[in-house]
Amino acid sequence: MTTARDIMHAGAECTGERQTLQHAARQMRDLDIGALVICGEDGRLLGIVTDRDIVVKCIAAGVDPGTVTVGQLARAEPVAIDPAADVAEVLQLMAENQIRRLPVVDNQRVVGIISEADLARNLPEQAVGQFVEAITAS
Protein backbone atom coordinates (compact mmCIF):
# COMPACT_ATOMS: atom_id res chain seq x y z
CA MET A 1 0.00 0.00 0.00
CA THR A 2 1.34 3.39 -1.01
CA THR A 3 0.83 6.03 1.67
CA ALA A 4 0.86 9.81 1.87
CA ARG A 5 4.31 9.61 3.49
CA ASP A 6 5.60 7.64 0.48
CA ILE A 7 4.69 10.35 -2.04
CA MET A 8 4.91 13.57 -0.01
CA HIS A 9 7.64 16.16 -0.29
CA ALA A 10 9.12 16.12 3.22
CA GLY A 11 9.97 19.33 5.01
CA ALA A 12 7.29 21.63 3.58
CA GLU A 13 8.19 25.27 4.03
CA CYS A 14 6.14 27.01 6.69
CA THR A 15 5.51 30.71 7.06
CA GLY A 16 4.18 32.38 10.18
CA GLU A 17 0.62 33.63 10.21
CA ARG A 18 1.81 37.17 10.97
CA GLN A 19 4.17 37.40 7.99
CA THR A 20 3.11 39.79 5.24
CA LEU A 21 2.18 38.61 1.79
CA GLN A 22 5.19 40.50 0.49
CA HIS A 23 7.46 38.45 2.79
CA ALA A 24 5.72 35.24 1.68
CA ALA A 25 6.20 36.18 -1.99
CA ARG A 26 9.90 36.74 -1.43
CA GLN A 27 10.15 33.44 0.44
CA MET A 28 8.46 31.65 -2.48
CA ARG A 29 10.81 33.33 -4.94
CA ASP A 30 13.90 32.42 -2.94
CA LEU A 31 12.78 28.80 -2.54
CA ASP A 32 11.44 28.57 -6.12
CA ILE A 33 8.06 27.28 -4.93
CA GLY A 34 4.47 28.36 -5.54
CA ALA A 35 2.95 27.75 -2.11
CA LEU A 36 3.77 27.99 1.58
CA VAL A 37 2.14 26.25 4.49
CA ILE A 38 0.83 28.75 7.04
CA CYS A 39 1.59 27.83 10.65
CA GLY A 40 0.47 29.42 13.88
CA GLU A 41 2.89 30.36 16.63
CA ASP A 42 2.30 26.90 18.11
CA GLY A 43 3.43 25.30 14.83
CA ARG A 44 -0.02 24.03 13.92
CA LEU A 45 -1.38 24.17 10.39
CA LEU A 46 -3.58 27.16 9.60
CA GLY A 47 -3.70 26.85 5.83
CA ILE A 48 -1.75 27.42 2.65
CA VAL A 49 -0.96 30.59 0.75
CA THR A 50 -0.13 30.35 -2.95
CA ASP A 51 1.43 32.74 -5.40
CA ARG A 52 -1.98 32.87 -7.09
CA ASP A 53 -3.66 33.86 -3.79
CA ILE A 54 -1.27 36.79 -3.48
CA VAL A 55 -1.96 37.97 -7.02
CA VAL A 56 -5.72 37.41 -7.13
CA LYS A 57 -6.78 38.20 -3.56
CA CYS A 58 -4.36 41.03 -2.88
CA ILE A 59 -2.58 42.68 -5.80
CA ALA A 60 -5.49 42.46 -8.27
CA ALA A 61 -7.76 43.86 -5.56
CA GLY A 62 -5.45 46.87 -5.19
CA VAL A 63 -4.31 45.94 -1.69
CA ASP A 64 -0.73 46.49 -0.51
CA PRO A 65 0.92 43.06 0.02
CA GLY A 66 3.16 44.69 2.62
CA THR A 67 0.15 45.31 4.87
CA VAL A 68 -1.79 42.04 4.58
CA THR A 69 -0.69 38.96 6.53
CA VAL A 70 -0.76 35.39 5.27
CA GLY A 71 -2.97 34.52 8.25
CA GLN A 72 -5.64 36.80 6.82
CA LEU A 73 -5.82 34.55 3.74
CA ALA A 74 -5.83 31.23 5.61
CA ARG A 75 -8.89 29.00 5.18
CA ALA A 76 -11.11 28.58 8.23
CA GLU A 77 -10.69 24.79 8.13
CA PRO A 78 -7.44 23.74 6.47
CA VAL A 79 -7.51 20.40 4.69
CA ALA A 80 -4.72 17.98 5.65
CA ILE A 81 -4.00 14.26 5.75
CA ASP A 82 -2.21 11.79 8.02
CA PRO A 83 1.09 10.39 6.73
CA ALA A 84 -0.24 6.82 7.04
CA ALA A 85 -3.28 7.49 4.83
CA ASP A 86 -3.58 5.44 1.65
CA VAL A 87 -2.88 7.26 -1.61
CA ALA A 88 -6.50 6.65 -2.71
CA GLU A 89 -7.60 8.72 0.30
CA VAL A 90 -5.12 11.45 -0.73
CA LEU A 91 -6.61 11.60 -4.22
CA GLN A 92 -10.17 11.58 -2.92
CA LEU A 93 -9.52 14.37 -0.39
CA MET A 94 -7.76 16.56 -2.94
CA ALA A 95 -10.48 16.00 -5.56
CA GLU A 96 -13.37 16.58 -3.11
CA ASN A 97 -11.83 19.84 -1.92
CA GLN A 98 -10.64 20.94 -5.39
CA ILE A 99 -7.08 21.47 -4.12
CA ARG A 100 -3.74 20.96 -5.81
CA ARG A 101 -1.63 20.82 -2.64
CA LEU A 102 -2.28 18.81 0.51
CA PRO A 103 -0.34 19.24 3.76
CA VAL A 104 0.63 16.04 5.56
CA VAL A 105 0.21 16.41 9.32
CA ASP A 106 1.48 14.12 12.08
CA ASN A 107 0.73 14.91 15.74
CA GLN A 108 -0.66 18.29 14.65
CA ARG A 109 2.65 19.26 13.00
CA VAL A 110 3.25 19.63 9.26
CA VAL A 111 5.71 16.95 8.11
CA GLY A 112 5.31 17.34 4.36
CA ILE A 113 3.13 18.38 1.47
CA ILE A 114 1.72 16.57 -1.55
CA SER A 115 1.44 18.47 -4.83
CA GLU A 116 0.26 17.54 -8.30
CA ALA A 117 3.92 17.03 -9.25
CA ASP A 118 4.32 14.49 -6.41
CA LEU A 119 1.27 12.63 -7.70
CA ALA A 120 2.63 12.64 -11.25
CA ARG A 121 6.00 11.26 -10.11
CA ASN A 122 4.56 8.51 -7.94
CA LEU A 123 1.27 7.33 -9.41
CA PRO A 124 0.16 5.61 -12.61
CA GLU A 125 -0.69 8.00 -15.44
CA GLN A 126 -4.36 6.96 -15.39
CA ALA A 127 -4.76 7.86 -11.69
CA VAL A 128 -3.13 11.25 -12.23
CA GLY A 129 -5.35 11.89 -15.26
CA GLN A 130 -8.49 11.08 -13.29
CA PHE A 131 -7.35 13.40 -10.48
CA VAL A 132 -6.65 16.30 -12.85
CA GLU A 133 -10.02 15.77 -14.52
CA ALA A 134 -11.76 15.77 -11.12
CA ILE A 135 -10.21 19.04 -9.89
CA THR A 136 -10.69 20.90 -13.15
CA ALA A 137 -14.31 19.88 -13.71
CA SER A 138 -16.28 22.62 -12.02
C-alpha atoms as a PDB file:
ATOM      1  CA  MET A   1       0.000   0.000   0.000  1.00  0.00           C
ATOM      2  CA  THR A   2       1.343   3.387  -1.014  1.00  0.00           C
ATOM      3  CA  THR A   3       0.834   6.034   1.673  1.00  0.00           C
ATOM      4  CA  ALA A   4       0.861   9.812   1.868  1.00  0.00           C
ATOM      5  CA  ARG A   5       4.311   9.609   3.488  1.00  0.00           C
ATOM      6  CA  ASP A   6       5.605   7.641   0.478  1.00  0.00           C
ATOM      7  CA  ILE A   7       4.690  10.348  -2.041  1.00  0.00           C
ATOM      8  CA  MET A   8       4.914  13.569  -0.012  1.00  0.00           C
ATOM      9  CA  HIS A   9       7.640  16.157  -0.290  1.00  0.00           C
ATOM     10  CA  ALA A  10       9.123  16.118   3.220  1.00  0.00           C
ATOM     11  CA  GLY A  11       9.967  19.329   5.009  1.00  0.00           C
ATOM     12  CA  ALA A  12       7.293  21.625   3.584  1.00  0.00           C
ATOM     13  CA  GLU A  13       8.191  25.271   4.032  1.00  0.00           C
ATOM     14  CA  CYS A  14       6.139  27.011   6.691  1.00  0.00           C
ATOM     15  CA  THR A  15       5.512  30.710   7.062  1.00  0.00           C
ATOM     16  CA  GLY A  16       4.176  32.379  10.182  1.00  0.00           C
ATOM     17  CA  GLU A  17       0.621  33.632  10.214  1.00  0.00           C
ATOM     18  CA  ARG A  18       1.814  37.170  10.975  1.00  0.00           C
ATOM     19  CA  GLN A  19       4.174  37.403   7.986  1.00  0.00           C
ATOM     20  CA  THR A  20       3.112  39.792   5.244  1.00  0.00           C
ATOM     21  CA  LEU A  21       2.177  38.607   1.786  1.00  0.00           C
ATOM     22  CA  GLN A  22       5.190  40.502   0.486  1.00  0.00           C
ATOM     23  CA  HIS A  23       7.456  38.452   2.786  1.00  0.00           C
ATOM     24  CA  ALA A  24       5.719  35.242   1.678  1.00  0.00           C
ATOM     25  CA  ALA A  25       6.196  36.175  -1.992  1.00  0.00           C
ATOM     26  CA  ARG A  26       9.903  36.737  -1.429  1.00  0.00           C
ATOM     27  CA  GLN A  27      10.154  33.437   0.437  1.00  0.00           C
ATOM     28  CA  MET A  28       8.459  31.645  -2.481  1.00  0.00           C
ATOM     29  CA  ARG A  29      10.814  33.333  -4.939  1.00  0.00           C
ATOM     30  CA  ASP A  30      13.898  32.419  -2.936  1.00  0.00           C
ATOM     31  CA  LEU A  31      12.776  28.798  -2.543  1.00  0.00           C
ATOM     32  CA  ASP A  32      11.440  28.566  -6.122  1.00  0.00           C
ATOM     33  CA  ILE A  33       8.059  27.283  -4.931  1.00  0.00           C
ATOM     34  CA  GLY A  34       4.466  28.355  -5.540  1.00  0.00           C
ATOM     35  CA  ALA A  35       2.949  27.746  -2.108  1.00  0.00           C
ATOM     36  CA  LEU A  36       3.773  27.987   1.575  1.00  0.00           C
ATOM     37  CA  VAL A  37       2.141  26.247   4.489  1.00  0.00           C
ATOM     38  CA  ILE A  38       0.825  28.751   7.043  1.00  0.00           C
ATOM     39  CA  CYS A  39       1.590  27.827  10.651  1.00  0.00           C
ATOM     40  CA  GLY A  40       0.475  29.420  13.882  1.00  0.00           C
ATOM     41  CA  GLU A  41       2.893  30.362  16.632  1.00  0.00           C
ATOM     42  CA  ASP A  42       2.297  26.898  18.106  1.00  0.00           C
ATOM     43  CA  GLY A  43       3.431  25.296  14.828  1.00  0.00           C
ATOM     44  CA  ARG A  44      -0.025  24.031  13.916  1.00  0.00           C
ATOM     45  CA  LEU A  45      -1.384  24.170  10.386  1.00  0.00           C
ATOM     46  CA  LEU A  46      -3.583  27.163   9.600  1.00  0.00           C
ATOM     47  CA  GLY A  47      -3.705  26.855   5.830  1.00  0.00           C
ATOM     48  CA  ILE A  48      -1.753  27.415   2.652  1.00  0.00           C
ATOM     49  CA  VAL A  49      -0.956  30.588   0.746  1.00  0.00           C
ATOM     50  CA  THR A  50      -0.132  30.352  -2.950  1.00  0.00           C
ATOM     51  CA  ASP A  51       1.432  32.743  -5.400  1.00  0.00           C
ATOM     52  CA  ARG A  52      -1.980  32.868  -7.092  1.00  0.00           C
ATOM     53  CA  ASP A  53      -3.656  33.864  -3.789  1.00  0.00           C
ATOM     54  CA  ILE A  54      -1.268  36.794  -3.480  1.00  0.00           C
ATOM     55  CA  VAL A  55      -1.960  37.973  -7.022  1.00  0.00           C
ATOM     56  CA  VAL A  56      -5.722  37.410  -7.130  1.00  0.00           C
ATOM     57  CA  LYS A  57      -6.781  38.201  -3.560  1.00  0.00           C
ATOM     58  CA  CYS A  58      -4.358  41.029  -2.876  1.00  0.00           C
ATOM     59  CA  ILE A  59      -2.580  42.676  -5.801  1.00  0.00           C
ATOM     60  CA  ALA A  60      -5.494  42.462  -8.272  1.00  0.00           C
ATOM     61  CA  ALA A  61      -7.758  43.863  -5.558  1.00  0.00           C
ATOM     62  CA  GLY A  62      -5.451  46.873  -5.186  1.00  0.00           C
ATOM     63  CA  VAL A  63      -4.310  45.940  -1.688  1.00  0.00           C
ATOM     64  CA  ASP A  64      -0.725  46.487  -0.513  1.00  0.00           C
ATOM     65  CA  PRO A  65       0.917  43.056   0.023  1.00  0.00           C
ATOM     66  CA  GLY A  66       3.158  44.689   2.622  1.00  0.00           C
ATOM     67  CA  THR A  67       0.152  45.313   4.872  1.00  0.00           C
ATOM     68  CA  VAL A  68      -1.789  42.038   4.578  1.00  0.00           C
ATOM     69  CA  THR A  69      -0.694  38.962   6.533  1.00  0.00           C
ATOM     70  CA  VAL A  70      -0.762  35.389   5.272  1.00  0.00           C
ATOM     71  CA  GLY A  71      -2.967  34.524   8.247  1.00  0.00           C
ATOM     72  CA  GLN A  72      -5.641  36.797   6.820  1.00  0.00           C
ATOM     73  CA  LEU A  73      -5.823  34.552   3.738  1.00  0.00           C
ATOM     74  CA  ALA A  74      -5.833  31.230   5.614  1.00  0.00           C
ATOM     75  CA  ARG A  75      -8.891  29.003   5.184  1.00  0.00           C
ATOM     76  CA  ALA A  76     -11.106  28.581   8.226  1.00  0.00           C
ATOM     77  CA  GLU A  77     -10.688  24.793   8.127  1.00  0.00           C
ATOM     78  CA  PRO A  78      -7.442  23.742   6.466  1.00  0.00           C
ATOM     79  CA  VAL A  79      -7.510  20.404   4.690  1.00  0.00           C
ATOM     80  CA  ALA A  80      -4.722  17.975   5.653  1.00  0.00           C
ATOM     81  CA  ILE A  81      -3.996  14.264   5.752  1.00  0.00           C
ATOM     82  CA  ASP A  82      -2.215  11.790   8.022  1.00  0.00           C
ATOM     83  CA  PRO A  83       1.089  10.385   6.726  1.00  0.00           C
ATOM     84  CA  ALA A  84      -0.245   6.816   7.041  1.00  0.00           C
ATOM     85  CA  ALA A  85      -3.285   7.492   4.828  1.00  0.00           C
ATOM     86  CA  ASP A  86      -3.581   5.444   1.651  1.00  0.00           C
ATOM     87  CA  VAL A  87      -2.882   7.261  -1.612  1.00  0.00           C
ATOM     88  CA  ALA A  88      -6.498   6.646  -2.705  1.00  0.00           C
ATOM     89  CA  GLU A  89      -7.596   8.722   0.296  1.00  0.00           C
ATOM     90  CA  VAL A  90      -5.115  11.449  -0.728  1.00  0.00           C
ATOM     91  CA  LEU A  91      -6.606  11.601  -4.220  1.00  0.00           C
ATOM     92  CA  GLN A  92     -10.169  11.581  -2.925  1.00  0.00           C
ATOM     93  CA  LEU A  93      -9.521  14.365  -0.389  1.00  0.00           C
ATOM     94  CA  MET A  94      -7.757  16.564  -2.936  1.00  0.00           C
ATOM     95  CA  ALA A  95     -10.479  16.004  -5.557  1.00  0.00           C
ATOM     96  CA  GLU A  96     -13.371  16.583  -3.114  1.00  0.00           C
ATOM     97  CA  ASN A  97     -11.826  19.844  -1.922  1.00  0.00           C
ATOM     98  CA  GLN A  98     -10.640  20.935  -5.388  1.00  0.00           C
ATOM     99  CA  ILE A  99      -7.082  21.472  -4.116  1.00  0.00           C
ATOM    100  CA  ARG A 100      -3.741  20.961  -5.810  1.00  0.00           C
ATOM    101  CA  ARG A 101      -1.628  20.823  -2.639  1.00  0.00           C
ATOM    102  CA  LEU A 102      -2.283  18.809   0.508  1.00  0.00           C
ATOM    103  CA  PRO A 103      -0.342  19.242   3.761  1.00  0.00           C
ATOM    104  CA  VAL A 104       0.631  16.041   5.559  1.00  0.00           C
ATOM    105  CA  VAL A 105       0.206  16.411   9.316  1.00  0.00           C
ATOM    106  CA  ASP A 106       1.477  14.118  12.076  1.00  0.00           C
ATOM    107  CA  ASN A 107       0.733  14.910  15.739  1.00  0.00           C
ATOM    108  CA  GLN A 108      -0.657  18.294  14.654  1.00  0.00           C
ATOM    109  CA  ARG A 109       2.652  19.260  12.995  1.00  0.00           C
ATOM    110  CA  VAL A 110       3.249  19.628   9.263  1.00  0.00           C
ATOM    111  CA  VAL A 111       5.706  16.948   8.112  1.00  0.00           C
ATOM    112  CA  GLY A 112       5.306  17.342   4.359  1.00  0.00           C
ATOM    113  CA  ILE A 113       3.132  18.384   1.467  1.00  0.00           C
ATOM    114  CA  ILE A 114       1.724  16.572  -1.550  1.00  0.00           C
ATOM    115  CA  SER A 115       1.435  18.466  -4.828  1.00  0.00           C
ATOM    116  CA  GLU A 116       0.264  17.542  -8.301  1.00  0.00           C
ATOM    117  CA  ALA A 117       3.919  17.026  -9.247  1.00  0.00           C
ATOM    118  CA  ASP A 118       4.318  14.491  -6.413  1.00  0.00           C
ATOM    119  CA  LEU A 119       1.267  12.632  -7.703  1.00  0.00           C
ATOM    120  CA  ALA A 120       2.628  12.643 -11.254  1.00  0.00           C
ATOM    121  CA  ARG A 121       5.997  11.260 -10.114  1.00  0.00           C
ATOM    122  CA  ASN A 122       4.559   8.511  -7.942  1.00  0.00           C
ATOM    123  CA  LEU A 123       1.273   7.327  -9.407  1.00  0.00           C
ATOM    124  CA  PRO A 124       0.160   5.615 -12.607  1.00  0.00           C
ATOM    125  CA  GLU A 125      -0.690   7.997 -15.441  1.00  0.00           C
ATOM    126  CA  GLN A 126      -4.359   6.955 -15.388  1.00  0.00           C
ATOM    127  CA  ALA A 127      -4.756   7.864 -11.692  1.00  0.00           C
ATOM    128  CA  VAL A 128      -3.133  11.253 -12.232  1.00  0.00           C
ATOM    129  CA  GLY A 129      -5.351  11.888 -15.264  1.00  0.00           C
ATOM    130  CA  GLN A 130      -8.490  11.080 -13.292  1.00  0.00           C
ATOM    131  CA  PHE A 131      -7.346  13.403 -10.483  1.00  0.00           C
ATOM    132  CA  VAL A 132      -6.645  16.304 -12.852  1.00  0.00           C
ATOM    133  CA  GLU A 133     -10.018  15.765 -14.516  1.00  0.00           C
ATOM    134  CA  ALA A 134     -11.761  15.773 -11.117  1.00  0.00           C
ATOM    135  CA  ILE A 135     -10.213  19.038  -9.893  1.00  0.00           C
ATOM    136  CA  THR A 136     -10.692  20.901 -13.148  1.00  0.00           C
ATOM    137  CA  ALA A 137     -14.310  19.875 -13.712  1.00  0.00           C
ATOM    138  CA  SER A 138     -16.283  22.623 -12.023  1.00  0.00           C
END
